[in-house]
Amino acid sequence: MLKRVLLLTGAPGVGKTTVLERAVESLRAASISVGGMISREVREGNVRVGFEILDLTRGKRGWLSHVNGEGGPMVGRYRVNLADLDNVGAQAIIEAIEKCGVVAIDEIGPMELYSSKFKEAVKQAFESGKPVLAVVHAKAKDPMVTQAKQSVDAEIFTVTFANRDALPETLKKHVVALNQQVT
């Protein structure tokens, strides 16, 4: 039986988000609707200043964190923007559960786990019965993450420099086969 929750993990900078983005593009090219959220780093020159959130369905953007952010918890040198995380990120996940065939989540990590609305949206995605593609930060410490990793319905893919180019197609084939298994 194919697993429904596909979790991507790996070292920082190995390309987890890129693998997820390419898998989303490949699934969409196969006429499979994918929604959810992606987090991308934002640079000014050669300096990373924060991370933005992108709603994959509506194209709406917000700040996940910024070095000059105001309010919100600190993670490293970044201040987490809980309002955008809730209103863009968590909302994108909820809408994907309601309207799309596949839910994409990037990422379940230390910054995102400060939001109870985000955690609830992720929990709903895991319980939705829909395929979920999610990036999980290697050091994410949360009971929900532990439970997801140990779920009988989850498969963990460790992204490496050696496999990252082939993984998007592997994920697409897995989701296509999963959809055929359901119908």
N, C-alpha and C. Protein backbone atom coordinates (compact mmCIF):
# COMPACT_ATOMS: atom_id res chain seq x y z
N MET A 1 0.84 -1.19 0.00
CA MET A 1 0.00 0.00 0.00
C MET A 1 0.88 1.25 0.00
N LEU A 2 0.57 2.17 -0.88
CA LEU A 2 1.35 3.40 -0.98
C LEU A 2 1.06 4.33 0.19
N LYS A 3 2.09 4.98 0.66
CA LYS A 3 1.96 5.96 1.74
C LYS A 3 1.38 7.25 1.18
N ARG A 4 0.60 7.96 2.00
CA ARG A 4 -0.09 9.18 1.56
C ARG A 4 0.63 10.46 1.99
N VAL A 5 1.36 10.40 3.10
CA VAL A 5 2.07 11.57 3.62
C VAL A 5 3.55 11.40 3.29
N LEU A 6 4.04 12.23 2.38
CA LEU A 6 5.43 12.14 1.91
C LEU A 6 6.23 13.28 2.53
N LEU A 7 7.14 12.93 3.40
CA LEU A 7 7.90 13.92 4.16
C LEU A 7 9.32 14.02 3.60
N LEU A 8 9.73 15.24 3.27
CA LEU A 8 11.08 15.51 2.77
C LEU A 8 11.90 16.10 3.91
N THR A 9 13.06 15.54 4.14
CA THR A 9 13.96 16.07 5.15
C THR A 9 15.37 16.06 4.57
N GLY A 10 16.30 16.62 5.28
CA GLY A 10 17.68 16.66 4.82
C GLY A 10 18.41 17.85 5.40
N ALA A 11 19.68 17.93 5.09
CA ALA A 11 20.54 18.99 5.62
C ALA A 11 20.12 20.35 5.08
N PRO A 12 20.39 21.42 5.83
CA PRO A 12 20.12 22.77 5.33
C PRO A 12 20.87 23.01 4.02
N GLY A 13 20.19 23.63 3.07
CA GLY A 13 20.82 24.01 1.80
C GLY A 13 20.93 22.89 0.79
N VAL A 14 20.38 21.72 1.08
CA VAL A 14 20.51 20.59 0.16
C VAL A 14 19.51 20.68 -1.00
N GLY A 15 18.45 21.48 -0.84
CA GLY A 15 17.49 21.65 -1.94
C GLY A 15 16.11 21.08 -1.68
N LYS A 16 15.70 20.99 -0.43
CA LYS A 16 14.39 20.43 -0.09
C LYS A 16 13.25 21.24 -0.70
N THR A 17 13.32 22.55 -0.58
CA THR A 17 12.28 23.41 -1.15
C THR A 17 12.25 23.29 -2.66
N THR A 18 13.40 23.24 -3.28
CA THR A 18 13.48 23.11 -4.74
C THR A 18 12.86 21.78 -5.18
N VAL A 19 13.14 20.71 -4.47
CA VAL A 19 12.54 19.41 -4.78
C VAL A 19 11.02 19.53 -4.70
N LEU A 20 10.51 20.14 -3.64
CA LEU A 20 9.07 20.29 -3.48
C LEU A 20 8.48 21.15 -4.60
N GLU A 21 9.11 22.27 -4.91
CA GLU A 21 8.61 23.14 -5.98
C GLU A 21 8.56 22.40 -7.32
N ARG A 22 9.59 21.64 -7.63
CA ARG A 22 9.63 20.90 -8.90
C ARG A 22 8.59 19.78 -8.92
N ALA A 23 8.35 19.16 -7.78
CA ALA A 23 7.31 18.13 -7.70
C ALA A 23 5.93 18.76 -7.93
N VAL A 24 5.70 19.94 -7.35
CA VAL A 24 4.44 20.66 -7.54
C VAL A 24 4.25 20.99 -9.03
N GLU A 25 5.29 21.51 -9.67
CA GLU A 25 5.21 21.83 -11.11
C GLU A 25 4.91 20.59 -11.93
N SER A 26 5.56 19.49 -11.61
CA SER A 26 5.38 18.25 -12.35
C SER A 26 3.96 17.69 -12.16
N LEU A 27 3.44 17.77 -10.95
CA LEU A 27 2.07 17.32 -10.69
C LEU A 27 1.06 18.20 -11.42
N ARG A 28 1.28 19.50 -11.40
CA ARG A 28 0.38 20.41 -12.12
C ARG A 28 0.42 20.15 -13.61
N ALA A 29 1.59 19.83 -14.15
CA ALA A 29 1.72 19.51 -15.58
C ALA A 29 0.95 18.24 -15.91
N ALA A 30 0.75 17.38 -14.91
CA ALA A 30 -0.02 16.14 -15.08
C ALA A 30 -1.51 16.36 -14.73
N SER A 31 -1.92 17.63 -14.65
CA SER A 31 -3.31 18.03 -14.36
C SER A 31 -3.78 17.60 -12.97
N ILE A 32 -2.88 17.59 -12.01
CA ILE A 32 -3.25 17.33 -10.62
C ILE A 32 -3.16 18.65 -9.87
N SER A 33 -4.25 19.02 -9.21
CA SER A 33 -4.27 20.31 -8.51
C SER A 33 -3.50 20.21 -7.20
N VAL A 34 -2.61 21.18 -7.00
CA VAL A 34 -1.78 21.21 -5.80
C VAL A 34 -1.90 22.61 -5.19
N GLY A 35 -2.16 22.65 -3.90
CA GLY A 35 -2.20 23.91 -3.17
C GLY A 35 -1.37 23.78 -1.92
N GLY A 36 -1.32 24.86 -1.16
CA GLY A 36 -0.54 24.87 0.07
C GLY A 36 0.40 26.04 0.09
N MET A 37 1.54 25.87 0.73
CA MET A 37 2.47 26.99 0.90
C MET A 37 3.92 26.55 0.71
N ILE A 38 4.70 27.50 0.25
CA ILE A 38 6.15 27.33 0.09
C ILE A 38 6.82 28.49 0.83
N SER A 39 7.92 28.22 1.50
CA SER A 39 8.73 29.26 2.13
C SER A 39 10.02 29.42 1.32
N ARG A 40 10.34 30.65 1.01
CA ARG A 40 11.57 30.92 0.24
C ARG A 40 12.42 31.94 0.97
N GLU A 41 13.73 31.76 0.88
CA GLU A 41 14.60 32.76 1.49
C GLU A 41 14.59 34.03 0.65
N VAL A 42 14.76 35.16 1.31
CA VAL A 42 14.84 36.46 0.65
C VAL A 42 16.21 37.05 0.95
N ARG A 43 16.88 37.47 -0.11
CA ARG A 43 18.23 38.03 0.04
C ARG A 43 18.26 39.48 -0.43
N GLU A 44 19.09 40.25 0.22
CA GLU A 44 19.43 41.60 -0.26
C GLU A 44 20.93 41.54 -0.51
N GLY A 45 21.28 41.53 -1.79
CA GLY A 45 22.67 41.28 -2.16
C GLY A 45 23.00 39.84 -1.83
N ASN A 46 24.07 39.63 -1.10
CA ASN A 46 24.46 38.27 -0.72
C ASN A 46 24.02 37.91 0.70
N VAL A 47 23.18 38.76 1.29
CA VAL A 47 22.80 38.56 2.68
C VAL A 47 21.34 38.12 2.77
N ARG A 48 21.09 36.99 3.44
CA ARG A 48 19.72 36.55 3.67
C ARG A 48 19.11 37.43 4.75
N VAL A 49 17.97 38.05 4.44
CA VAL A 49 17.31 38.94 5.39
C VAL A 49 16.04 38.34 5.96
N GLY A 50 15.57 37.24 5.38
CA GLY A 50 14.37 36.63 5.91
C GLY A 50 13.83 35.57 4.98
N PHE A 51 12.58 35.21 5.26
CA PHE A 51 11.88 34.19 4.47
C PHE A 51 10.48 34.68 4.16
N GLU A 52 10.06 34.47 2.91
CA GLU A 52 8.69 34.81 2.54
C GLU A 52 7.85 33.54 2.44
N ILE A 53 6.55 33.71 2.56
CA ILE A 53 5.59 32.62 2.40
C ILE A 53 4.85 32.87 1.09
N LEU A 54 4.67 31.82 0.29
CA LEU A 54 3.92 31.93 -0.96
C LEU A 54 2.76 30.94 -0.91
N ASP A 55 1.55 31.46 -1.09
CA ASP A 55 0.34 30.64 -1.21
C ASP A 55 0.31 30.10 -2.64
N LEU A 56 0.40 28.80 -2.80
CA LEU A 56 0.52 28.19 -4.14
C LEU A 56 -0.75 28.32 -4.97
N THR A 57 -1.89 28.53 -4.36
CA THR A 57 -3.14 28.63 -5.11
C THR A 57 -3.44 30.07 -5.51
N ARG A 58 -3.37 30.97 -4.55
CA ARG A 58 -3.75 32.37 -4.81
C ARG A 58 -2.57 33.26 -5.19
N GLY A 59 -1.36 32.77 -4.99
CA GLY A 59 -0.19 33.60 -5.30
C GLY A 59 0.05 34.67 -4.26
N LYS A 60 -0.69 34.65 -3.18
CA LYS A 60 -0.54 35.64 -2.11
C LYS A 60 0.80 35.42 -1.41
N ARG A 61 1.44 36.49 -1.00
CA ARG A 61 2.73 36.41 -0.33
C ARG A 61 2.68 37.11 1.02
N GLY A 62 3.55 36.66 1.89
CA GLY A 62 3.70 37.30 3.19
C GLY A 62 5.09 37.00 3.73
N TRP A 63 5.41 37.60 4.85
CA TRP A 63 6.71 37.36 5.49
C TRP A 63 6.57 36.28 6.54
N LEU A 64 7.38 35.25 6.44
CA LEU A 64 7.48 34.26 7.51
C LEU A 64 8.34 34.84 8.63
N SER A 65 9.46 35.44 8.24
CA SER A 65 10.37 36.04 9.21
C SER A 65 11.27 37.04 8.52
N HIS A 66 11.83 37.94 9.32
CA HIS A 66 12.72 38.96 8.78
C HIS A 66 13.68 39.40 9.88
N VAL A 67 14.89 39.78 9.48
CA VAL A 67 15.87 40.25 10.47
C VAL A 67 15.40 41.55 11.13
N ASN A 68 14.60 42.34 10.43
CA ASN A 68 14.09 43.60 10.98
C ASN A 68 12.62 43.51 11.38
N GLY A 69 12.12 42.30 11.57
CA GLY A 69 10.72 42.13 11.94
C GLY A 69 10.43 42.71 13.31
N GLU A 70 9.16 43.06 13.52
CA GLU A 70 8.73 43.61 14.81
C GLU A 70 7.73 42.65 15.43
N GLY A 71 7.88 42.43 16.73
CA GLY A 71 6.98 41.51 17.42
C GLY A 71 7.25 40.08 16.99
N GLY A 72 6.61 39.15 17.62
CA GLY A 72 6.78 37.75 17.25
C GLY A 72 8.03 37.14 17.86
N PRO A 73 8.07 35.82 17.92
CA PRO A 73 9.20 35.12 18.53
C PRO A 73 10.47 35.21 17.67
N MET A 74 11.60 35.12 18.33
CA MET A 74 12.90 35.12 17.65
C MET A 74 13.34 33.69 17.40
N VAL A 75 13.81 33.43 16.17
CA VAL A 75 14.45 32.16 15.83
C VAL A 75 15.76 32.55 15.17
N GLY A 76 16.85 32.30 15.85
CA GLY A 76 18.14 32.78 15.35
C GLY A 76 18.12 34.30 15.31
N ARG A 77 18.45 34.87 14.17
CA ARG A 77 18.44 36.33 14.05
C ARG A 77 17.16 36.85 13.41
N TYR A 78 16.19 35.98 13.22
CA TYR A 78 14.94 36.34 12.54
C TYR A 78 13.78 36.43 13.52
N ARG A 79 12.89 37.39 13.28
CA ARG A 79 11.68 37.51 14.06
C ARG A 79 10.53 36.96 13.22
N VAL A 80 9.80 35.99 13.77
CA VAL A 80 8.72 35.32 13.06
C VAL A 80 7.49 36.22 13.01
N ASN A 81 6.89 36.31 11.81
CA ASN A 81 5.69 37.11 11.59
C ASN A 81 4.48 36.17 11.71
N LEU A 82 3.93 36.07 12.91
CA LEU A 82 2.83 35.13 13.15
C LEU A 82 1.57 35.51 12.37
N ALA A 83 1.33 36.81 12.16
CA ALA A 83 0.14 37.23 11.42
C ALA A 83 0.17 36.71 9.98
N ASP A 84 1.30 36.88 9.28
CA ASP A 84 1.39 36.39 7.90
C ASP A 84 1.43 34.86 7.86
N LEU A 85 2.08 34.25 8.85
CA LEU A 85 2.12 32.79 8.91
C LEU A 85 0.70 32.24 9.04
N ASP A 86 -0.12 32.87 9.87
CA ASP A 86 -1.51 32.43 10.04
C ASP A 86 -2.36 32.76 8.81
N ASN A 87 -2.28 34.01 8.36
CA ASN A 87 -3.20 34.50 7.32
C ASN A 87 -2.81 34.11 5.90
N VAL A 88 -1.55 33.82 5.66
CA VAL A 88 -1.12 33.37 4.34
C VAL A 88 -0.80 31.88 4.37
N GLY A 89 0.11 31.47 5.24
CA GLY A 89 0.57 30.09 5.27
C GLY A 89 -0.49 29.09 5.71
N ALA A 90 -0.99 29.26 6.93
CA ALA A 90 -2.00 28.32 7.45
C ALA A 90 -3.25 28.34 6.59
N GLN A 91 -3.65 29.53 6.17
CA GLN A 91 -4.85 29.65 5.33
C GLN A 91 -4.67 28.93 3.99
N ALA A 92 -3.47 29.00 3.42
CA ALA A 92 -3.19 28.31 2.15
C ALA A 92 -3.33 26.79 2.32
N ILE A 93 -2.90 26.28 3.46
CA ILE A 93 -3.01 24.84 3.72
C ILE A 93 -4.48 24.45 3.84
N ILE A 94 -5.25 25.23 4.60
CA ILE A 94 -6.68 24.94 4.79
C ILE A 94 -7.40 24.95 3.43
N GLU A 95 -7.12 25.95 2.61
CA GLU A 95 -7.77 26.03 1.30
C GLU A 95 -7.36 24.87 0.40
N ALA A 96 -6.11 24.43 0.50
CA ALA A 96 -5.65 23.29 -0.30
C ALA A 96 -6.39 22.02 0.11
N ILE A 97 -6.62 21.85 1.41
CA ILE A 97 -7.36 20.69 1.90
C ILE A 97 -8.77 20.70 1.29
N GLU A 98 -9.37 21.87 1.24
CA GLU A 98 -10.75 22.00 0.76
C GLU A 98 -10.88 21.90 -0.75
N LYS A 99 -9.88 22.41 -1.50
CA LYS A 99 -10.07 22.62 -2.94
C LYS A 99 -9.11 21.88 -3.86
N CYS A 100 -8.03 21.30 -3.34
CA CYS A 100 -7.00 20.73 -4.21
C CYS A 100 -6.87 19.22 -3.99
N GLY A 101 -6.23 18.57 -4.96
CA GLY A 101 -6.01 17.14 -4.88
C GLY A 101 -4.82 16.77 -4.01
N VAL A 102 -3.85 17.69 -3.90
CA VAL A 102 -2.63 17.44 -3.13
C VAL A 102 -2.32 18.68 -2.30
N VAL A 103 -1.84 18.46 -1.07
CA VAL A 103 -1.46 19.55 -0.18
C VAL A 103 0.06 19.59 -0.05
N ALA A 104 0.66 20.75 -0.35
CA ALA A 104 2.11 20.94 -0.22
C ALA A 104 2.38 21.88 0.95
N ILE A 105 3.36 21.51 1.78
CA ILE A 105 3.70 22.32 2.96
C ILE A 105 5.21 22.44 3.05
N ASP A 106 5.70 23.68 2.98
CA ASP A 106 7.12 23.97 3.13
C ASP A 106 7.26 25.19 4.04
N GLU A 107 7.72 25.03 5.19
CA GLU A 107 8.18 23.80 5.78
C GLU A 107 7.60 23.68 7.16
N ILE A 108 7.69 22.51 7.73
CA ILE A 108 7.31 22.32 9.12
C ILE A 108 8.62 22.43 9.90
N GLY A 109 8.86 23.59 10.48
CA GLY A 109 10.13 23.84 11.13
C GLY A 109 9.97 24.72 12.36
N PRO A 110 11.09 25.07 12.97
CA PRO A 110 11.05 25.83 14.23
C PRO A 110 10.26 27.14 14.15
N MET A 111 10.37 27.87 13.05
CA MET A 111 9.63 29.13 12.94
C MET A 111 8.13 28.88 12.85
N GLU A 112 7.75 27.97 11.97
CA GLU A 112 6.34 27.70 11.71
C GLU A 112 5.64 27.11 12.93
N LEU A 113 6.37 26.33 13.72
CA LEU A 113 5.76 25.64 14.86
C LEU A 113 5.38 26.58 16.00
N TYR A 114 5.73 27.87 15.90
CA TYR A 114 5.27 28.85 16.87
C TYR A 114 3.79 29.19 16.69
N SER A 115 3.25 28.87 15.52
CA SER A 115 1.85 29.22 15.21
C SER A 115 0.92 28.04 15.49
N SER A 116 -0.01 28.23 16.40
CA SER A 116 -0.98 27.16 16.68
C SER A 116 -1.92 26.98 15.49
N LYS A 117 -2.21 28.05 14.77
CA LYS A 117 -3.08 27.94 13.58
C LYS A 117 -2.38 27.12 12.49
N PHE A 118 -1.08 27.34 12.31
CA PHE A 118 -0.30 26.56 11.34
C PHE A 118 -0.29 25.09 11.75
N LYS A 119 -0.01 24.81 13.02
CA LYS A 119 0.04 23.43 13.49
C LYS A 119 -1.30 22.74 13.30
N GLU A 120 -2.38 23.45 13.56
CA GLU A 120 -3.72 22.86 13.38
C GLU A 120 -3.98 22.58 11.89
N ALA A 121 -3.56 23.49 11.01
CA ALA A 121 -3.74 23.30 9.57
C ALA A 121 -2.95 22.08 9.09
N VAL A 122 -1.73 21.93 9.57
CA VAL A 122 -0.89 20.78 9.19
C VAL A 122 -1.54 19.48 9.69
N LYS A 123 -2.02 19.51 10.93
CA LYS A 123 -2.69 18.33 11.49
C LYS A 123 -3.90 17.96 10.63
N GLN A 124 -4.68 18.95 10.22
CA GLN A 124 -5.84 18.69 9.36
C GLN A 124 -5.40 18.10 8.02
N ALA A 125 -4.30 18.61 7.48
CA ALA A 125 -3.79 18.08 6.20
C ALA A 125 -3.41 16.61 6.36
N PHE A 126 -2.69 16.29 7.45
CA PHE A 126 -2.29 14.90 7.70
C PHE A 126 -3.50 13.98 7.85
N GLU A 127 -4.58 14.50 8.41
CA GLU A 127 -5.79 13.70 8.66
C GLU A 127 -6.80 13.76 7.51
N SER A 128 -6.51 14.54 6.47
CA SER A 128 -7.49 14.82 5.41
C SER A 128 -7.77 13.65 4.48
N GLY A 129 -6.87 12.69 4.42
CA GLY A 129 -7.02 11.61 3.45
C GLY A 129 -6.43 11.94 2.10
N LYS A 130 -5.97 13.19 1.92
CA LYS A 130 -5.36 13.61 0.66
C LYS A 130 -3.85 13.40 0.71
N PRO A 131 -3.22 13.25 -0.47
CA PRO A 131 -1.76 13.19 -0.48
C PRO A 131 -1.18 14.51 0.05
N VAL A 132 -0.15 14.39 0.87
CA VAL A 132 0.53 15.55 1.43
C VAL A 132 2.01 15.43 1.12
N LEU A 133 2.57 16.49 0.55
CA LEU A 133 4.02 16.60 0.34
C LEU A 133 4.50 17.68 1.30
N ALA A 134 5.34 17.32 2.25
CA ALA A 134 5.76 18.29 3.25
C ALA A 134 7.25 18.22 3.51
N VAL A 135 7.86 19.40 3.63
CA VAL A 135 9.25 19.50 4.04
C VAL A 135 9.26 19.61 5.56
N VAL A 136 10.05 18.76 6.20
CA VAL A 136 10.16 18.77 7.66
C VAL A 136 11.60 19.11 8.02
N HIS A 137 11.75 20.19 8.76
CA HIS A 137 13.07 20.60 9.23
C HIS A 137 13.68 19.46 10.04
N ALA A 138 14.94 19.15 9.77
CA ALA A 138 15.60 18.01 10.41
C ALA A 138 15.59 18.11 11.94
N LYS A 139 15.60 19.33 12.47
CA LYS A 139 15.66 19.51 13.92
C LYS A 139 14.32 19.92 14.52
N ALA A 140 13.24 19.79 13.77
CA ALA A 140 11.92 20.17 14.28
C ALA A 140 11.55 19.24 15.44
N LYS A 141 11.33 19.83 16.60
CA LYS A 141 10.97 19.07 17.80
C LYS A 141 9.55 19.45 18.19
N ASP A 142 8.62 18.57 17.87
CA ASP A 142 7.22 18.82 18.21
C ASP A 142 6.50 17.48 18.18
N PRO A 143 5.59 17.24 19.11
CA PRO A 143 4.87 15.96 19.10
C PRO A 143 4.17 15.66 17.77
N MET A 144 3.64 16.70 17.11
CA MET A 144 2.97 16.51 15.82
C MET A 144 3.95 15.98 14.77
N VAL A 145 5.18 16.52 14.76
CA VAL A 145 6.19 16.08 13.80
C VAL A 145 6.60 14.64 14.09
N THR A 146 6.81 14.33 15.35
CA THR A 146 7.18 12.97 15.74
C THR A 146 6.09 11.99 15.33
N GLN A 147 4.85 12.36 15.61
CA GLN A 147 3.71 11.50 15.25
C GLN A 147 3.64 11.30 13.74
N ALA A 148 3.83 12.38 12.97
CA ALA A 148 3.77 12.29 11.51
C ALA A 148 4.86 11.36 10.99
N LYS A 149 6.07 11.51 11.51
CA LYS A 149 7.19 10.67 11.06
C LYS A 149 6.96 9.20 11.37
N GLN A 150 6.25 8.93 12.46
CA GLN A 150 6.03 7.55 12.89
C GLN A 150 4.74 6.96 12.34
N SER A 151 3.95 7.75 11.63
CA SER A 151 2.67 7.29 11.11
C SER A 151 2.86 6.16 10.10
N VAL A 152 1.95 5.21 10.12
CA VAL A 152 2.01 4.12 9.15
C VAL A 152 1.69 4.62 7.75
N ASP A 153 1.10 5.82 7.66
CA ASP A 153 0.73 6.39 6.37
C ASP A 153 1.78 7.38 5.84
N ALA A 154 2.96 7.43 6.48
CA ALA A 154 3.99 8.39 6.09
C ALA A 154 5.24 7.68 5.57
N GLU A 155 5.86 8.31 4.58
CA GLU A 155 7.14 7.86 4.06
C GLU A 155 8.09 9.04 4.10
N ILE A 156 9.30 8.81 4.59
CA ILE A 156 10.29 9.87 4.71
C ILE A 156 11.31 9.74 3.59
N PHE A 157 11.55 10.85 2.90
CA PHE A 157 12.55 10.93 1.84
C PHE A 157 13.64 11.88 2.31
N THR A 158 14.86 11.41 2.44
CA THR A 158 15.97 12.27 2.81
C THR A 158 16.60 12.82 1.54
N VAL A 159 16.50 14.14 1.37
CA VAL A 159 17.04 14.80 0.19
C VAL A 159 18.56 14.93 0.34
N THR A 160 19.28 14.50 -0.70
CA THR A 160 20.73 14.62 -0.72
C THR A 160 21.14 15.26 -2.06
N PHE A 161 22.40 15.67 -2.15
CA PHE A 161 22.88 16.20 -3.42
C PHE A 161 22.81 15.14 -4.51
N ALA A 162 22.94 13.88 -4.13
CA ALA A 162 22.93 12.79 -5.10
C ALA A 162 21.53 12.47 -5.64
N ASN A 163 20.48 12.63 -4.82
CA ASN A 163 19.15 12.22 -5.28
C ASN A 163 18.19 13.37 -5.57
N ARG A 164 18.58 14.60 -5.30
CA ARG A 164 17.62 15.70 -5.38
C ARG A 164 17.08 15.97 -6.79
N ASP A 165 17.85 15.66 -7.83
CA ASP A 165 17.36 15.90 -9.19
C ASP A 165 16.30 14.88 -9.60
N ALA A 166 16.39 13.67 -9.08
CA ALA A 166 15.44 12.61 -9.43
C ALA A 166 14.20 12.60 -8.53
N LEU A 167 14.30 13.17 -7.35
CA LEU A 167 13.20 13.09 -6.38
C LEU A 167 11.87 13.70 -6.85
N PRO A 168 11.86 14.85 -7.53
CA PRO A 168 10.55 15.40 -7.95
C PRO A 168 9.75 14.41 -8.80
N GLU A 169 10.41 13.73 -9.71
CA GLU A 169 9.71 12.75 -10.55
C GLU A 169 9.27 11.55 -9.72
N THR A 170 10.09 11.12 -8.78
CA THR A 170 9.72 10.03 -7.88
C THR A 170 8.46 10.39 -7.10
N LEU A 171 8.42 11.61 -6.58
CA LEU A 171 7.25 12.06 -5.82
C LEU A 171 6.01 12.14 -6.70
N LYS A 172 6.19 12.67 -7.91
CA LYS A 172 5.05 12.76 -8.84
C LYS A 172 4.50 11.37 -9.14
N LYS A 173 5.36 10.43 -9.48
CA LYS A 173 4.91 9.07 -9.79
C LYS A 173 4.18 8.46 -8.59
N HIS A 174 4.69 8.71 -7.42
CA HIS A 174 4.07 8.19 -6.20
C HIS A 174 2.64 8.74 -6.04
N VAL A 175 2.49 10.06 -6.21
CA VAL A 175 1.17 10.69 -6.06
C VAL A 175 0.22 10.24 -7.17
N VAL A 176 0.70 10.13 -8.40
CA VAL A 176 -0.13 9.65 -9.51
C VAL A 176 -0.62 8.22 -9.21
N ALA A 177 0.28 7.37 -8.75
CA ALA A 177 -0.09 5.99 -8.42
C ALA A 177 -1.08 5.95 -7.25
N LEU A 178 -0.87 6.83 -6.29
CA LEU A 178 -1.78 6.93 -5.16
C LEU A 178 -3.17 7.33 -5.62
N ASN A 179 -3.24 8.31 -6.52
CA ASN A 179 -4.54 8.75 -7.05
C ASN A 179 -5.22 7.64 -7.84
N GLN A 180 -4.45 6.85 -8.58
CA GLN A 180 -5.03 5.73 -9.35
C GLN A 180 -5.52 4.63 -8.41
N GLN A 181 -4.84 4.47 -7.28
CA GLN A 181 -5.21 3.47 -6.30
C GLN A 181 -6.55 3.82 -5.66
N VAL A 182 -6.80 5.13 -5.49
CA VAL A 182 -8.02 5.60 -4.84
C VAL A 182 -9.22 5.50 -5.77
N THR A 183 -9.00 5.77 -7.07
CA THR A 183 -10.14 5.78 -8.01
C THR A 183 -10.51 4.41 -8.51
